[in-house]
């Protein structure tokens, strides 16, 4: 399975949004879920990218 890649700008934006809302949620996972539900991003990709921070 080929891994989907994203434009660096998109990755930077996702990480910036995550760092802005992380304190509003009890865990990183719930913060990612909140972002994913609003942006229709793939949760699996977001979790993978967050672990590589």
PDB file of N, CA and C in Angstrom:
ATOM      1  N   UNK A   1       0.841  -1.175   0.000  1.00  0.00           N
ATOM      2  CA  UNK A   1       0.000   0.000   0.000  1.00  0.00           C
ATOM      3  C   UNK A   1       0.889   1.243   0.000  1.00  0.00           C
ATOM      4  N   UNK A   2       0.638   2.124  -0.933  1.00  0.00           N
ATOM      5  CA  UNK A   2       1.415   3.354  -1.042  1.00  0.00           C
ATOM      6  C   UNK A   2       0.922   4.365  -0.009  1.00  0.00           C
ATOM      7  N   UNK A   3       1.858   4.968   0.697  1.00  0.00           N
ATOM      8  CA  UNK A   3       1.523   5.959   1.710  1.00  0.00           C
ATOM      9  C   UNK A   3       1.181   7.281   1.028  1.00  0.00           C
ATOM     10  N   UNK A   4       0.072   7.869   1.458  1.00  0.00           N
ATOM     11  CA  UNK A   4      -0.338   9.150   0.890  1.00  0.00           C
ATOM     12  C   UNK A   4       0.544  10.254   1.459  1.00  0.00           C
ATOM     13  N   UNK A   5       0.977  11.145   0.606  1.00  0.00           N
ATOM     14  CA  UNK A   5       1.781  12.268   1.054  1.00  0.00           C
ATOM     15  C   UNK A   5       0.965  13.551   0.936  1.00  0.00           C
ATOM     16  N   UNK A   6       1.305  14.499   1.748  1.00  0.00           N
ATOM     17  CA  UNK A   6       0.597  15.771   1.757  1.00  0.00           C
ATOM     18  C   UNK A   6       1.563  16.904   1.485  1.00  0.00           C
ATOM     19  N   UNK A   7       1.042  17.982   0.957  1.00  0.00           N
ATOM     20  CA  UNK A   7       1.826  19.181   0.722  1.00  0.00           C
ATOM     21  C   UNK A   7       2.334  19.668   2.075  1.00  0.00           C
ATOM     22  N   UNK A   8       3.599  20.079   2.159  1.00  0.00           N
ATOM     23  CA  UNK A   8       4.138  20.545   3.443  1.00  0.00           C
ATOM     24  C   UNK A   8       3.273  21.605   4.128  1.00  0.00           C
ATOM     25  N   UNK A   9       2.660  22.493   3.355  1.00  0.00           N
ATOM     26  CA  UNK A   9       1.784  23.512   3.932  1.00  0.00           C
ATOM     27  C   UNK A   9       0.617  22.892   4.691  1.00  0.00           C
ATOM     28  N   UNK A  10       0.071  21.813   4.157  1.00  0.00           N
ATOM     29  CA  UNK A  10      -1.067  21.138   4.792  1.00  0.00           C
ATOM     30  C   UNK A  10      -0.613  20.503   6.099  1.00  0.00           C
ATOM     31  N   UNK A  11       0.537  19.859   6.083  1.00  0.00           N
ATOM     32  CA  UNK A  11       1.067  19.251   7.302  1.00  0.00           C
ATOM     33  C   UNK A  11       1.345  20.304   8.369  1.00  0.00           C
ATOM     34  N   UNK A  12       1.962  21.408   7.955  1.00  0.00           N
ATOM     35  CA  UNK A  12       2.269  22.486   8.897  1.00  0.00           C
ATOM     36  C   UNK A  12       0.992  23.037   9.527  1.00  0.00           C
ATOM     37  N   UNK A  13      -0.030  23.211   8.717  1.00  0.00           N
ATOM     38  CA  UNK A  13      -1.312  23.733   9.218  1.00  0.00           C
ATOM     39  C   UNK A  13      -1.928  22.756  10.216  1.00  0.00           C
ATOM     40  N   UNK A  14      -1.919  21.482   9.900  1.00  0.00           N
ATOM     41  CA  UNK A  14      -2.499  20.482  10.793  1.00  0.00           C
ATOM     42  C   UNK A  14      -1.775  20.463  12.136  1.00  0.00           C
ATOM     43  N   UNK A  15      -0.469  20.530  12.110  1.00  0.00           N
ATOM     44  CA  UNK A  15       0.304  20.526  13.357  1.00  0.00           C
ATOM     45  C   UNK A  15       0.063  21.815  14.133  1.00  0.00           C
ATOM     46  N   UNK A  16      -0.024  22.945  13.434  1.00  0.00           N
ATOM     47  CA  UNK A  16      -0.288  24.217  14.108  1.00  0.00           C
ATOM     48  C   UNK A  16      -1.657  24.188  14.796  1.00  0.00           C
ATOM     49  N   UNK A  17      -2.674  23.691  14.101  1.00  0.00           N
ATOM     50  CA  UNK A  17      -4.013  23.596  14.689  1.00  0.00           C
ATOM     51  C   UNK A  17      -3.985  22.667  15.900  1.00  0.00           C
ATOM     52  N   UNK A  18      -3.283  21.555  15.782  1.00  0.00           N
ATOM     53  CA  UNK A  18      -3.187  20.610  16.895  1.00  0.00           C
ATOM     54  C   UNK A  18      -2.558  21.264  18.123  1.00  0.00           C
ATOM     55  N   UNK A  19      -1.466  21.990  17.921  1.00  0.00           N
ATOM     56  CA  UNK A  19      -0.813  22.634  19.059  1.00  0.00           C
ATOM     57  C   UNK A  19      -1.685  23.733  19.672  1.00  0.00           C
ATOM     58  N   UNK A  20      -2.548  24.334  18.855  1.00  0.00           N
ATOM     59  CA  UNK A  20      -3.440  25.375  19.374  1.00  0.00           C
ATOM     60  C   UNK A  20      -4.563  24.808  20.236  1.00  0.00           C
ATOM     61  N   UNK A  21      -5.050  23.611  19.910  1.00  0.00           N
ATOM     62  CA  UNK A  21      -6.207  23.081  20.639  1.00  0.00           C
ATOM     63  C   UNK A  21      -5.881  21.945  21.605  1.00  0.00           C
ATOM     64  N   UNK A  22      -4.636  21.519  21.652  1.00  0.00           N
ATOM     65  CA  UNK A  22      -4.266  20.351  22.460  1.00  0.00           C
ATOM     66  C   UNK A  22      -4.668  20.507  23.929  1.00  0.00           C
ATOM     67  N   UNK A  23      -4.559  21.704  24.474  1.00  0.00           N
ATOM     68  CA  UNK A  23      -4.886  21.914  25.889  1.00  0.00           C
ATOM     69  C   UNK A  23      -6.380  21.913  26.169  1.00  0.00           C
ATOM     70  N   UNK A  24      -7.189  21.944  25.141  1.00  0.00           N
ATOM     71  CA  UNK A  24      -8.642  21.919  25.294  1.00  0.00           C
ATOM     72  C   UNK A  24      -9.186  20.497  25.354  1.00  0.00           C
ATOM     73  N   UNK A  25      -8.307  19.505  25.183  1.00  0.00           N
ATOM     74  CA  UNK A  25      -8.732  18.107  25.123  1.00  0.00           C
ATOM     75  C   UNK A  25      -7.934  17.269  26.113  1.00  0.00           C
ATOM     76  N   UNK A  26      -8.538  16.180  26.596  1.00  0.00           N
ATOM     77  CA  UNK A  26      -7.858  15.345  27.589  1.00  0.00           C
ATOM     78  C   UNK A  26      -6.695  14.518  27.029  1.00  0.00           C
ATOM     79  N   UNK A  27      -6.644  14.354  25.711  1.00  0.00           N
ATOM     80  CA  UNK A  27      -5.561  13.564  25.118  1.00  0.00           C
ATOM     81  C   UNK A  27      -5.284  14.052  23.697  1.00  0.00           C
ATOM     82  N   UNK A  28      -4.131  13.644  23.191  1.00  0.00           N
ATOM     83  CA  UNK A  28      -3.788  13.974  21.804  1.00  0.00           C
ATOM     84  C   UNK A  28      -4.804  13.345  20.856  1.00  0.00           C
ATOM     85  N   UNK A  29      -5.187  12.125  21.174  1.00  0.00           N
ATOM     86  CA  UNK A  29      -6.136  11.408  20.314  1.00  0.00           C
ATOM     87  C   UNK A  29      -7.458  12.169  20.187  1.00  0.00           C
ATOM     88  N   UNK A  30      -7.982  12.658  21.304  1.00  0.00           N
ATOM     89  CA  UNK A  30      -9.254  13.384  21.226  1.00  0.00           C
ATOM     90  C   UNK A  30      -9.093  14.711  20.480  1.00  0.00           C
ATOM     91  N   UNK A  31      -7.937  15.343  20.602  1.00  0.00           N
ATOM     92  CA  UNK A  31      -7.678  16.571  19.850  1.00  0.00           C
ATOM     93  C   UNK A  31      -7.632  16.276  18.352  1.00  0.00           C
ATOM     94  N   UNK A  32      -6.970  15.196  17.983  1.00  0.00           N
ATOM     95  CA  UNK A  32      -6.895  14.805  16.573  1.00  0.00           C
ATOM     96  C   UNK A  32      -8.280  14.475  16.036  1.00  0.00           C
ATOM     97  N   UNK A  33      -9.079  13.786  16.844  1.00  0.00           N
ATOM     98  CA  UNK A  33     -10.437  13.460  16.427  1.00  0.00           C
ATOM     99  C   UNK A  33     -11.260  14.720  16.195  1.00  0.00           C
ATOM    100  N   UNK A  34     -11.085  15.718  17.049  1.00  0.00           N
ATOM    101  CA  UNK A  34     -11.812  16.979  16.888  1.00  0.00           C
ATOM    102  C   UNK A  34     -11.418  17.665  15.581  1.00  0.00           C
ATOM    103  N   UNK A  35     -10.127  17.666  15.300  1.00  0.00           N
ATOM    104  CA  UNK A  35      -9.650  18.272  14.052  1.00  0.00           C
ATOM    105  C   UNK A  35     -10.165  17.475  12.856  1.00  0.00           C
ATOM    106  N   UNK A  36     -10.062  16.170  12.927  1.00  0.00           N
ATOM    107  CA  UNK A  36     -10.473  15.315  11.812  1.00  0.00           C
ATOM    108  C   UNK A  36     -11.954  15.470  11.510  1.00  0.00           C
ATOM    109  N   UNK A  37     -12.761  15.588  12.551  1.00  0.00           N
ATOM    110  CA  UNK A  37     -14.202  15.733  12.307  1.00  0.00           C
ATOM    111  C   UNK A  37     -14.517  17.066  11.644  1.00  0.00           C
ATOM    112  N   UNK A  38     -13.701  18.074  11.903  1.00  0.00           N
ATOM    113  CA  UNK A  38     -13.940  19.390  11.306  1.00  0.00           C
ATOM    114  C   UNK A  38     -13.348  19.509   9.906  1.00  0.00           C
ATOM    115  N   UNK A  39     -12.289  18.807   9.638  1.00  0.00           N
ATOM    116  CA  UNK A  39     -11.608  18.962   8.354  1.00  0.00           C
ATOM    117  C   UNK A  39     -11.765  17.764   7.437  1.00  0.00           C
ATOM    118  N   UNK A  40     -12.407  16.720   7.928  1.00  0.00           N
ATOM    119  CA  UNK A  40     -12.594  15.481   7.173  1.00  0.00           C
ATOM    120  C   UNK A  40     -11.249  14.849   6.814  1.00  0.00           C
ATOM    121  N   UNK A  41     -10.232  15.128   7.629  1.00  0.00           N
ATOM    122  CA  UNK A  41      -8.917  14.527   7.412  1.00  0.00           C
ATOM    123  C   UNK A  41      -8.958  13.069   7.842  1.00  0.00           C
ATOM    124  N   UNK A  42      -8.035  12.307   7.335  1.00  0.00           N
ATOM    125  CA  UNK A  42      -7.962  10.916   7.733  1.00  0.00           C
ATOM    126  C   UNK A  42      -7.278  10.818   9.086  1.00  0.00           C
ATOM    127  N   UNK A  43      -8.001  10.266  10.054  1.00  0.00           N
ATOM    128  CA  UNK A  43      -7.499  10.165  11.413  1.00  0.00           C
ATOM    129  C   UNK A  43      -6.209   9.352  11.474  1.00  0.00           C
ATOM    130  N   UNK A  44      -6.140   8.282  10.721  1.00  0.00           N
ATOM    131  CA  UNK A  44      -4.945   7.439  10.746  1.00  0.00           C
ATOM    132  C   UNK A  44      -3.695   8.216  10.332  1.00  0.00           C
ATOM    133  N   UNK A  45      -3.794   9.021   9.295  1.00  0.00           N
ATOM    134  CA  UNK A  45      -2.651   9.809   8.831  1.00  0.00           C
ATOM    135  C   UNK A  45      -2.258  10.860   9.859  1.00  0.00           C
ATOM    136  N   UNK A  46      -3.247  11.474  10.476  1.00  0.00           N
ATOM    137  CA  UNK A  46      -2.953  12.495  11.481  1.00  0.00           C
ATOM    138  C   UNK A  46      -2.221  11.894  12.666  1.00  0.00           C
ATOM    139  N   UNK A  47      -2.662  10.740  13.118  1.00  0.00           N
ATOM    140  CA  UNK A  47      -2.004  10.092  14.256  1.00  0.00           C
ATOM    141  C   UNK A  47      -0.573   9.755  13.888  1.00  0.00           C
ATOM    142  N   UNK A  48      -0.364   9.228  12.688  1.00  0.00           N
ATOM    143  CA  UNK A  48       0.991   8.868  12.261  1.00  0.00           C
ATOM    144  C   UNK A  48       1.882  10.098  12.228  1.00  0.00           C
ATOM    145  N   UNK A  49       1.403  11.200  11.654  1.00  0.00           N
ATOM    146  CA  UNK A  49       2.194  12.414  11.569  1.00  0.00           C
ATOM    147  C   UNK A  49       2.482  12.989  12.944  1.00  0.00           C
ATOM    148  N   UNK A  50       1.540  12.906  13.865  1.00  0.00           N
ATOM    149  CA  UNK A  50       1.732  13.437  15.209  1.00  0.00           C
ATOM    150  C   UNK A  50       2.795  12.656  15.945  1.00  0.00           C
ATOM    151  N   UNK A  51       2.833  11.377  15.758  1.00  0.00           N
ATOM    152  CA  UNK A  51       3.848  10.552  16.434  1.00  0.00           C
ATOM    153  C   UNK A  51       5.258  10.851  15.925  1.00  0.00           C
ATOM    154  N   UNK A  52       5.354  11.408  14.728  1.00  0.00           N
ATOM    155  CA  UNK A  52       6.674  11.721  14.153  1.00  0.00           C
ATOM    156  C   UNK A  52       7.115  13.138  14.461  1.00  0.00           C
ATOM    157  N   UNK A  53       6.415  13.849  15.329  1.00  0.00           N
ATOM    158  CA  UNK A  53       6.781  15.231  15.680  1.00  0.00           C
ATOM    159  C   UNK A  53       8.032  15.256  16.513  1.00  0.00           C
TER     160      UNK A  53
END
